Amino acid sequence: MARTRIELDLNSFGLDPDARKGKLRIIGEVIAAEWRAEARQAGLKSTLQAYVNSVGISRLDDMGVTISLPGPGASGKAAMLARMIEFGMGPGGIGTEGPYDIRTQVLKAGTRNLRWGKNGPYVNIPFGHSVESIEARGGERAKDAAAALGGTIHTFVLKAHTKWGGRLSQGYAAKIKPHHVTDPLHGLVRKASTYSKKGKLQSTYQTFRRMSWAGKAWMHPGIKARKIGARIAAKVPQLIAGII
C-alpha cells in the first residue's frame, strides 16, 4: 500500500473537530482526484481503470486523512494490478522490475484451478478470441471454420460438467513466433451462443494453453514502476495551499 505522511499544523484548521474533519475531507478528495488525473496522463491502457478505481480515502477523522493505493472497496484483482503498476513487477514479485518467467508467480500453492500431473503442477490458461481477431489471424477461412464448430455447453447438476463441441484443428493461422509449439487458433472452441445486450445472438471463442514446469518458459518483460503516488506526494503542499 502506497503511503506518504504529510504533517500539517492542525491549529490552522480551527479547534472545532467537525470543522477540521470537513477540511480534511476536502483535502483528501482533492489529493485523490489529482492522483487519478495523474494516472490518466501516465500512458496506462488496459490497466488504467483498475488503477484509478484503487485510489481512495482509507481513513478520515478530525486528526488526519489517509489516501491509499489500494483504498477501501478496491477489488482484489484491481488492487493487485494497481500495485503492480505503482511499484513494478519483476522476478522478485511486486516491488521489483525486469523480465521474469510467469510460471514462478502462477504455478504455486493458492493459485486457482491449479492441478497436478506427472510433471508436477499445471494450469490451463484460457485465451479469449473474437470473430474479428480470428479473422485477423486466419482470414475468412478460419472465421467460417470457427463459426461451424459445435457449441461447448457448461452445466451444473450436483457437479460441474462440460460438454465439448468441436475444436479447430491446426493450420488455420500462422505461428506468432517460430518457437511456439502451435498456432494461436489451434484447439479453438466455440462457447454456446448467447444474446448480447442489444438482443443479437453472438458466439464467443476460447483456446487453452497448458502452463507447466515441463514446458518452455513463459517470459514476461516485466512491469515498470510508475511511482505515481510519489509524484502526487511531492505536489501535496501545492494542492492544499488554497484549502488551509
C-alpha atoms as a PDB file:
ATOM      1  CA  MET A   1       0.000   0.000   0.000  1.00  0.00           C
ATOM      2  CA  ALA A   2       1.443   3.358  -1.031  1.00  0.00           C
ATOM      3  CA  ARG A   3       1.654   5.779   1.872  1.00  0.00           C
ATOM      4  CA  THR A   4       3.375   9.152   2.306  1.00  0.00           C
ATOM      5  CA  ARG A   5       2.947  11.046   5.567  1.00  0.00           C
ATOM      6  CA  ILE A   6       2.486  14.825   5.336  1.00  0.00           C
ATOM      7  CA  GLU A   7       2.492  16.723   8.639  1.00  0.00           C
ATOM      8  CA  LEU A   8       0.076  19.664   8.839  1.00  0.00           C
ATOM      9  CA  ASP A   9      -0.398  22.291  11.518  1.00  0.00           C
ATOM     10  CA  LEU A  10      -3.871  21.394  12.740  1.00  0.00           C
ATOM     11  CA  ASN A  11      -4.141  24.751  14.556  1.00  0.00           C
ATOM     12  CA  SER A  12      -4.741  26.347  11.156  1.00  0.00           C
ATOM     13  CA  PHE A  13      -7.873  24.216  10.830  1.00  0.00           C
ATOM     14  CA  GLY A  14      -9.517  25.700  13.897  1.00  0.00           C
ATOM     15  CA  LEU A  15     -10.314  23.997  17.174  1.00  0.00           C
ATOM     16  CA  ASP A  16     -13.696  22.556  16.272  1.00  0.00           C
ATOM     17  CA  PRO A  17     -13.280  18.818  15.435  1.00  0.00           C
ATOM     18  CA  ASP A  18     -16.128  18.801  12.906  1.00  0.00           C
ATOM     19  CA  ALA A  19     -14.656  21.804  11.072  1.00  0.00           C
ATOM     20  CA  ARG A  20     -11.230  20.154  10.970  1.00  0.00           C
ATOM     21  CA  LYS A  21     -12.726  16.927   9.687  1.00  0.00           C
ATOM     22  CA  GLY A  22     -14.601  18.810   6.975  1.00  0.00           C
ATOM     23  CA  LYS A  23     -11.417  20.471   5.745  1.00  0.00           C
ATOM     24  CA  LEU A  24      -9.510  17.213   5.885  1.00  0.00           C
ATOM     25  CA  ARG A  25     -12.235  15.549   3.805  1.00  0.00           C
ATOM     26  CA  ILE A  26     -11.816  18.239   1.136  1.00  0.00           C
ATOM     27  CA  ILE A  27      -8.040  17.773   1.216  1.00  0.00           C
ATOM     28  CA  GLY A  28      -8.428  14.021   0.817  1.00  0.00           C
ATOM     29  CA  GLU A  29     -10.800  14.388  -2.109  1.00  0.00           C
ATOM     30  CA  VAL A  30      -8.518  16.924  -3.839  1.00  0.00           C
ATOM     31  CA  ILE A  31      -5.446  14.692  -3.465  1.00  0.00           C
ATOM     32  CA  ALA A  32      -7.322  11.564  -4.606  1.00  0.00           C
ATOM     33  CA  ALA A  33      -8.698  13.423  -7.643  1.00  0.00           C
ATOM     34  CA  GLU A  34      -5.233  14.681  -8.585  1.00  0.00           C
ATOM     35  CA  TRP A  35      -3.795  11.179  -8.138  1.00  0.00           C
ATOM     36  CA  ARG A  36      -6.369   9.761 -10.544  1.00  0.00           C
ATOM     37  CA  ALA A  37      -5.779  12.597 -13.008  1.00  0.00           C
ATOM     38  CA  GLU A  38      -2.027  11.947 -12.913  1.00  0.00           C
ATOM     39  CA  ALA A  39      -2.675   8.263 -13.625  1.00  0.00           C
ATOM     40  CA  ARG A  40      -4.740   9.182 -16.684  1.00  0.00           C
ATOM     41  CA  GLN A  41      -1.735  11.073 -18.042  1.00  0.00           C
ATOM     42  CA  ALA A  42       0.708   8.212 -17.373  1.00  0.00           C
ATOM     43  CA  GLY A  43       0.061   6.284 -20.583  1.00  0.00           C
ATOM     44  CA  LEU A  44      -1.730   3.386 -18.901  1.00  0.00           C
ATOM     45  CA  LYS A  45      -4.002   1.387 -21.199  1.00  0.00           C
ATOM     46  CA  SER A  46      -5.898  -1.724 -20.143  1.00  0.00           C
ATOM     47  CA  THR A  47      -4.843  -1.274 -16.504  1.00  0.00           C
ATOM     48  CA  LEU A  48      -5.937   2.369 -16.188  1.00  0.00           C
ATOM     49  CA  GLN A  49      -9.436   1.712 -14.861  1.00  0.00           C
ATOM     50  CA  ALA A  50      -8.187  -0.769 -12.263  1.00  0.00           C
ATOM     51  CA  TYR A  51      -5.605   1.771 -11.092  1.00  0.00           C
ATOM     52  CA  VAL A  52      -7.937   4.784 -10.752  1.00  0.00           C
ATOM     53  CA  ASN A  53     -10.589   2.614  -9.056  1.00  0.00           C
ATOM     54  CA  SER A  54      -8.000   1.572  -6.461  1.00  0.00           C
ATOM     55  CA  VAL A  55      -7.173   5.094  -5.260  1.00  0.00           C
ATOM     56  CA  GLY A  56      -9.322   6.026  -2.278  1.00  0.00           C
ATOM     57  CA  ILE A  57      -9.610   7.538   1.187  1.00  0.00           C
ATOM     58  CA  SER A  58      -8.954   4.798   3.724  1.00  0.00           C
ATOM     59  CA  ARG A  59      -9.118   6.894   6.918  1.00  0.00           C
ATOM     60  CA  LEU A  60     -10.728  10.190   7.847  1.00  0.00           C
ATOM     61  CA  ASP A  61     -11.205  11.793  11.249  1.00  0.00           C
ATOM     62  CA  ASP A  62     -10.603  15.178  12.838  1.00  0.00           C
ATOM     63  CA  MET A  63      -6.876  14.426  13.214  1.00  0.00           C
ATOM     64  CA  GLY A  64      -5.964  13.341   9.693  1.00  0.00           C
ATOM     65  CA  VAL A  65      -6.841  11.821   6.344  1.00  0.00           C
ATOM     66  CA  THR A  66      -5.186   8.900   4.553  1.00  0.00           C
ATOM     67  CA  ILE A  67      -5.353   8.369   0.794  1.00  0.00           C
ATOM     68  CA  SER A  68      -4.216   4.863  -0.112  1.00  0.00           C
ATOM     69  CA  LEU A  69      -3.431   2.602  -3.028  1.00  0.00           C
ATOM     70  CA  PRO A  70      -5.276   0.322  -2.844  1.00  0.00           C
ATOM     71  CA  GLY A  71      -8.068   2.072  -0.981  1.00  0.00           C
ATOM     72  CA  PRO A  72     -11.161   0.514   0.563  1.00  0.00           C
ATOM     73  CA  GLY A  73     -13.582  -1.043  -1.860  1.00  0.00           C
ATOM     74  CA  ALA A  74     -10.969  -1.956  -4.476  1.00  0.00           C
ATOM     75  CA  SER A  75     -11.482  -5.500  -5.724  1.00  0.00           C
ATOM     76  CA  GLY A  76      -8.678  -7.994  -5.181  1.00  0.00           C
ATOM     77  CA  LYS A  77      -7.772  -8.160  -8.871  1.00  0.00           C
ATOM     78  CA  ALA A  78      -7.887  -4.370  -9.365  1.00  0.00           C
ATOM     79  CA  ALA A  79      -5.835  -3.795  -6.221  1.00  0.00           C
ATOM     80  CA  MET A  80      -3.151  -6.230  -7.373  1.00  0.00           C
ATOM     81  CA  LEU A  81      -2.951  -4.648 -10.832  1.00  0.00           C
ATOM     82  CA  ALA A  82      -2.727  -1.180  -9.284  1.00  0.00           C
ATOM     83  CA  ARG A  83       0.140  -2.247  -7.020  1.00  0.00           C
ATOM     84  CA  MET A  84       1.978  -3.793  -9.997  1.00  0.00           C
ATOM     85  CA  ILE A  85       1.682  -0.508 -11.892  1.00  0.00           C
ATOM     86  CA  GLU A  86       2.727   1.633  -8.939  1.00  0.00           C
ATOM     87  CA  PHE A  87       5.628  -0.456  -7.622  1.00  0.00           C
ATOM     88  CA  GLY A  88       6.597  -2.560 -10.642  1.00  0.00           C
ATOM     89  CA  MET A  89       6.513  -6.312 -11.196  1.00  0.00           C
ATOM     90  CA  GLY A  90       9.608  -8.359 -11.863  1.00  0.00           C
ATOM     91  CA  PRO A  91      11.401 -11.593 -10.940  1.00  0.00           C
ATOM     92  CA  GLY A  92      11.069 -10.884  -7.230  1.00  0.00           C
ATOM     93  CA  GLY A  93       7.357 -10.109  -7.400  1.00  0.00           C
ATOM     94  CA  ILE A  94       5.676  -6.756  -6.790  1.00  0.00           C
ATOM     95  CA  GLY A  95       8.252  -4.097  -5.972  1.00  0.00           C
ATOM     96  CA  THR A  96      10.873  -5.383  -8.411  1.00  0.00           C
ATOM     97  CA  GLU A  97      11.451  -4.775 -12.108  1.00  0.00           C
ATOM     98  CA  GLY A  98      12.759  -6.737 -15.091  1.00  0.00           C
ATOM     99  CA  PRO A  99      11.807  -9.813 -17.180  1.00  0.00           C
ATOM    100  CA  TYR A 100      10.514 -12.876 -15.363  1.00  0.00           C
ATOM    101  CA  ASP A 101       9.065 -16.321 -16.017  1.00  0.00           C
ATOM    102  CA  ILE A 102       5.322 -16.058 -15.343  1.00  0.00           C
ATOM    103  CA  ARG A 103       5.323 -19.642 -14.047  1.00  0.00           C
ATOM    104  CA  THR A 104       7.094 -18.538 -10.858  1.00  0.00           C
ATOM    105  CA  GLN A 105       4.010 -16.477  -9.981  1.00  0.00           C
ATOM    106  CA  VAL A 106       1.319 -18.884 -11.239  1.00  0.00           C
ATOM    107  CA  LEU A 107       2.481 -22.440 -10.508  1.00  0.00           C
ATOM    108  CA  LYS A 108       2.383 -22.136  -6.743  1.00  0.00           C
ATOM    109  CA  ALA A 109       0.062 -23.052  -3.894  1.00  0.00           C
ATOM    110  CA  GLY A 110      -3.072 -20.948  -3.760  1.00  0.00           C
ATOM    111  CA  THR A 111      -3.428 -20.486  -7.500  1.00  0.00           C
ATOM    112  CA  ARG A 112      -6.999 -21.030  -8.663  1.00  0.00           C
ATOM    113  CA  ASN A 113      -7.548 -24.188 -10.764  1.00  0.00           C
ATOM    114  CA  LEU A 114      -4.013 -25.464 -10.056  1.00  0.00           C
ATOM    115  CA  ARG A 115      -3.773 -29.148 -10.947  1.00  0.00           C
ATOM    116  CA  TRP A 116      -1.139 -31.867 -10.635  1.00  0.00           C
ATOM    117  CA  GLY A 117       0.117 -34.235 -13.299  1.00  0.00           C
ATOM    118  CA  LYS A 118       3.132 -36.450 -13.929  1.00  0.00           C
ATOM    119  CA  ASN A 119       5.315 -33.352 -14.427  1.00  0.00           C
ATOM    120  CA  GLY A 120       4.062 -31.551 -11.330  1.00  0.00           C
ATOM    121  CA  PRO A 121       1.687 -28.579 -11.104  1.00  0.00           C
ATOM    122  CA  TYR A 122      -0.009 -27.164 -14.173  1.00  0.00           C
ATOM    123  CA  VAL A 123      -2.734 -24.688 -15.123  1.00  0.00           C
ATOM    124  CA  ASN A 124      -4.782 -24.475 -18.308  1.00  0.00           C
ATOM    125  CA  ILE A 125      -4.745 -20.805 -19.288  1.00  0.00           C
ATOM    126  CA  PRO A 126      -7.799 -19.574 -21.253  1.00  0.00           C
ATOM    127  CA  PHE A 127      -7.389 -17.045 -24.058  1.00  0.00           C
ATOM    128  CA  GLY A 128     -10.453 -15.264 -25.398  1.00  0.00           C
ATOM    129  CA  HIS A 129     -10.977 -14.665 -29.117  1.00  0.00           C
ATOM    130  CA  SER A 130     -13.487 -12.582 -31.046  1.00  0.00           C
ATOM    131  CA  VAL A 131     -14.764 -13.088 -34.573  1.00  0.00           C
ATOM    132  CA  GLU A 132     -12.614 -10.127 -35.588  1.00  0.00           C
ATOM    133  CA  SER A 133      -9.424 -11.465 -34.013  1.00  0.00           C
ATOM    134  CA  ILE A 134      -9.980 -14.915 -35.546  1.00  0.00           C
ATOM    135  CA  GLU A 135     -10.370 -13.368 -38.986  1.00  0.00           C
ATOM    136  CA  ALA A 136      -7.300 -11.195 -38.412  1.00  0.00           C
ATOM    137  CA  ARG A 137      -5.241 -14.301 -37.588  1.00  0.00           C
ATOM    138  CA  GLY A 138      -6.580 -16.748 -40.140  1.00  0.00           C
ATOM    139  CA  GLY A 139      -8.742 -14.879 -42.633  1.00  0.00           C
ATOM    140  CA  GLU A 140     -12.214 -15.774 -43.898  1.00  0.00           C
ATOM    141  CA  ARG A 141     -11.402 -19.496 -43.886  1.00  0.00           C
ATOM    142  CA  ALA A 142     -10.639 -19.521 -40.149  1.00  0.00           C
ATOM    143  CA  LYS A 143     -13.680 -17.375 -39.342  1.00  0.00           C
ATOM    144  CA  ASP A 144     -16.039 -19.713 -41.206  1.00  0.00           C
ATOM    145  CA  ALA A 145     -14.482 -22.826 -39.628  1.00  0.00           C
ATOM    146  CA  ALA A 146     -14.846 -21.328 -36.140  1.00  0.00           C
ATOM    147  CA  ALA A 147     -18.499 -20.417 -36.747  1.00  0.00           C
ATOM    148  CA  ALA A 148     -19.188 -24.010 -37.870  1.00  0.00           C
ATOM    149  CA  LEU A 149     -17.879 -25.540 -34.624  1.00  0.00           C
ATOM    150  CA  GLY A 150     -20.361 -27.229 -32.322  1.00  0.00           C
ATOM    151  CA  GLY A 151     -21.058 -25.197 -29.206  1.00  0.00           C
ATOM    152  CA  THR A 152     -19.441 -26.061 -25.870  1.00  0.00           C
ATOM    153  CA  ILE A 153     -22.004 -26.207 -23.054  1.00  0.00           C
ATOM    154  CA  HIS A 154     -21.323 -25.917 -19.301  1.00  0.00           C
ATOM    155  CA  THR A 155     -23.881 -27.424 -16.917  1.00  0.00           C
ATOM    156  CA  PHE A 156     -24.060 -27.972 -13.175  1.00  0.00           C
ATOM    157  CA  VAL A 157     -26.154 -30.819 -11.815  1.00  0.00           C
ATOM    158  CA  LEU A 158     -24.661 -31.934  -8.497  1.00  0.00           C
ATOM    159  CA  LYS A 159     -21.249 -31.220 -10.057  1.00  0.00           C
ATOM    160  CA  ALA A 160     -19.872 -29.163 -12.910  1.00  0.00           C
ATOM    161  CA  HIS A 161     -19.858 -30.822 -16.316  1.00  0.00           C
ATOM    162  CA  THR A 162     -18.675 -29.573 -19.704  1.00  0.00           C
ATOM    163  CA  LYS A 163     -19.938 -30.983 -22.973  1.00  0.00           C
ATOM    164  CA  TRP A 164     -17.319 -30.016 -25.508  1.00  0.00           C
ATOM    165  CA  GLY A 165     -18.262 -29.144 -29.056  1.00  0.00           C
ATOM    166  CA  GLY A 166     -15.782 -29.192 -31.914  1.00  0.00           C
ATOM    167  CA  ARG A 167     -12.224 -27.894 -31.778  1.00  0.00           C
ATOM    168  CA  LEU A 168     -10.383 -26.091 -34.553  1.00  0.00           C
ATOM    169  CA  SER A 169      -7.552 -28.155 -35.999  1.00  0.00           C
ATOM    170  CA  GLN A 170      -4.024 -26.897 -36.521  1.00  0.00           C
ATOM    171  CA  GLY A 171      -3.094 -24.863 -39.582  1.00  0.00           C
ATOM    172  CA  TYR A 172      -5.749 -22.155 -39.772  1.00  0.00           C
ATOM    173  CA  ALA A 173      -3.250 -19.472 -38.776  1.00  0.00           C
ATOM    174  CA  ALA A 174       0.490 -18.886 -38.742  1.00  0.00           C
ATOM    175  CA  LYS A 175       2.518 -19.291 -35.562  1.00  0.00           C
ATOM    176  CA  ILE A 176       3.016 -15.995 -33.734  1.00  0.00           C
ATOM    177  CA  LYS A 177       6.667 -16.850 -33.088  1.00  0.00           C
ATOM    178  CA  PRO A 178       8.837 -19.607 -34.651  1.00  0.00           C
ATOM    179  CA  HIS A 179       9.493 -21.326 -31.326  1.00  0.00           C
ATOM    180  CA  HIS A 180       5.795 -21.682 -30.455  1.00  0.00           C
ATOM    181  CA  VAL A 181       4.517 -25.260 -30.399  1.00  0.00           C
ATOM    182  CA  THR A 182       1.420 -24.451 -32.444  1.00  0.00           C
ATOM    183  CA  ASP A 183      -0.606 -21.625 -33.963  1.00  0.00           C
ATOM    184  CA  PRO A 184      -2.837 -19.330 -31.860  1.00  0.00           C
ATOM    185  CA  LEU A 185      -6.124 -20.776 -33.166  1.00  0.00           C
ATOM    186  CA  HIS A 186      -5.283 -24.455 -32.701  1.00  0.00           C
ATOM    187  CA  GLY A 187      -7.827 -26.071 -30.368  1.00  0.00           C
ATOM    188  CA  LEU A 188     -10.264 -23.166 -30.580  1.00  0.00           C
ATOM    189  CA  VAL A 189     -13.697 -23.925 -29.102  1.00  0.00           C
ATOM    190  CA  ARG A 190     -16.957 -22.058 -29.564  1.00  0.00           C
ATOM    191  CA  LYS A 191     -18.951 -21.409 -26.430  1.00  0.00           C
ATOM    192  CA  ALA A 192     -22.714 -21.832 -26.719  1.00  0.00           C
ATOM    193  CA  SER A 193     -24.290 -18.778 -28.330  1.00  0.00           C
ATOM    194  CA  THR A 194     -25.805 -16.167 -26.026  1.00  0.00           C
ATOM    195  CA  TYR A 195     -27.722 -12.960 -26.542  1.00  0.00           C
ATOM    196  CA  SER A 196     -25.873  -9.666 -26.259  1.00  0.00           C
ATOM    197  CA  LYS A 197     -27.311  -6.563 -24.569  1.00  0.00           C
ATOM    198  CA  LYS A 198     -28.576  -5.470 -27.976  1.00  0.00           C
ATOM    199  CA  GLY A 199     -30.509  -8.704 -28.375  1.00  0.00           C
ATOM    200  CA  LYS A 200     -28.236 -10.154 -31.055  1.00  0.00           C
ATOM    201  CA  LEU A 201     -27.173 -13.795 -30.989  1.00  0.00           C
ATOM    202  CA  GLN A 202     -23.417 -13.964 -30.589  1.00  0.00           C
ATOM    203  CA  SER A 203     -20.708 -16.582 -30.105  1.00  0.00           C
ATOM    204  CA  THR A 204     -17.564 -16.319 -28.000  1.00  0.00           C
ATOM    205  CA  TYR A 205     -14.429 -18.349 -28.533  1.00  0.00           C
ATOM    206  CA  GLN A 206     -11.552 -19.624 -26.416  1.00  0.00           C
ATOM    207  CA  THR A 207      -8.318 -21.531 -26.697  1.00  0.00           C
ATOM    208  CA  PHE A 208      -6.459 -23.115 -23.793  1.00  0.00           C
ATOM    209  CA  ARG A 209      -2.716 -23.405 -23.339  1.00  0.00           C
ATOM    210  CA  ARG A 210      -1.140 -25.536 -20.611  1.00  0.00           C
ATOM    211  CA  MET A 211       1.409 -23.906 -18.346  1.00  0.00           C
ATOM    212  CA  SER A 212       3.695 -26.339 -16.538  1.00  0.00           C
ATOM    213  CA  TRP A 213       7.313 -26.683 -15.491  1.00  0.00           C
ATOM    214  CA  ALA A 214       7.781 -29.286 -18.232  1.00  0.00           C
ATOM    215  CA  GLY A 215       7.270 -26.741 -20.993  1.00  0.00           C
ATOM    216  CA  LYS A 216       9.299 -23.772 -22.095  1.00  0.00           C
ATOM    217  CA  ALA A 217       9.445 -20.559 -20.112  1.00  0.00           C
ATOM    218  CA  TRP A 218       6.516 -18.159 -20.242  1.00  0.00           C
ATOM    219  CA  MET A 219       8.549 -14.959 -20.252  1.00  0.00           C
ATOM    220  CA  HIS A 220       7.080 -11.566 -19.388  1.00  0.00           C
ATOM    221  CA  PRO A 221       9.067  -8.370 -19.986  1.00  0.00           C
ATOM    222  CA  GLY A 222       8.131  -7.130 -16.538  1.00  0.00           C
ATOM    223  CA  ILE A 223       6.173  -4.059 -15.473  1.00  0.00           C
ATOM    224  CA  LYS A 224       7.978  -0.784 -14.879  1.00  0.00           C
ATOM    225  CA  ALA A 225       7.156   1.009 -11.620  1.00  0.00           C
ATOM    226  CA  ARG A 226       5.233   4.194 -12.455  1.00  0.00           C
ATOM    227  CA  LYS A 227       5.584   5.694  -8.928  1.00  0.00           C
ATOM    228  CA  ILE A 228       2.605   7.956  -9.493  1.00  0.00           C
ATOM    229  CA  GLY A 229       1.898   8.171  -5.764  1.00  0.00           C
ATOM    230  CA  ALA A 230       5.374   9.577  -5.096  1.00  0.00           C
ATOM    231  CA  ARG A 231       4.795  12.348  -7.639  1.00  0.00           C
ATOM    232  CA  ILE A 232       1.485  13.220  -6.005  1.00  0.00           C
ATOM    233  CA  ALA A 233       3.091  13.307  -2.544  1.00  0.00           C
ATOM    234  CA  ALA A 234       5.555  15.914  -3.796  1.00  0.00           C
ATOM    235  CA  LYS A 235       2.639  18.062  -5.008  1.00  0.00           C
ATOM    236  CA  VAL A 236       0.593  17.904  -1.781  1.00  0.00           C
ATOM    237  CA  PRO A 237       1.735  21.264  -0.335  1.00  0.00           C
ATOM    238  CA  GLN A 238       0.763  22.964  -3.600  1.00  0.00           C
ATOM    239  CA  LEU A 239      -2.578  21.118  -3.798  1.00  0.00           C
ATOM    240  CA  ILE A 240      -3.722  22.060  -0.311  1.00  0.00           C
ATOM    241  CA  ALA A 241      -2.319  25.608  -0.209  1.00  0.00           C
ATOM    242  CA  GLY A 242      -5.686  27.148  -1.025  1.00  0.00           C
ATOM    243  CA  ILE A 243      -7.589  24.981   1.455  1.00  0.00           C
ATOM    244  CA  ILE A 244      -5.726  25.650   4.678  1.00  0.00           C
END
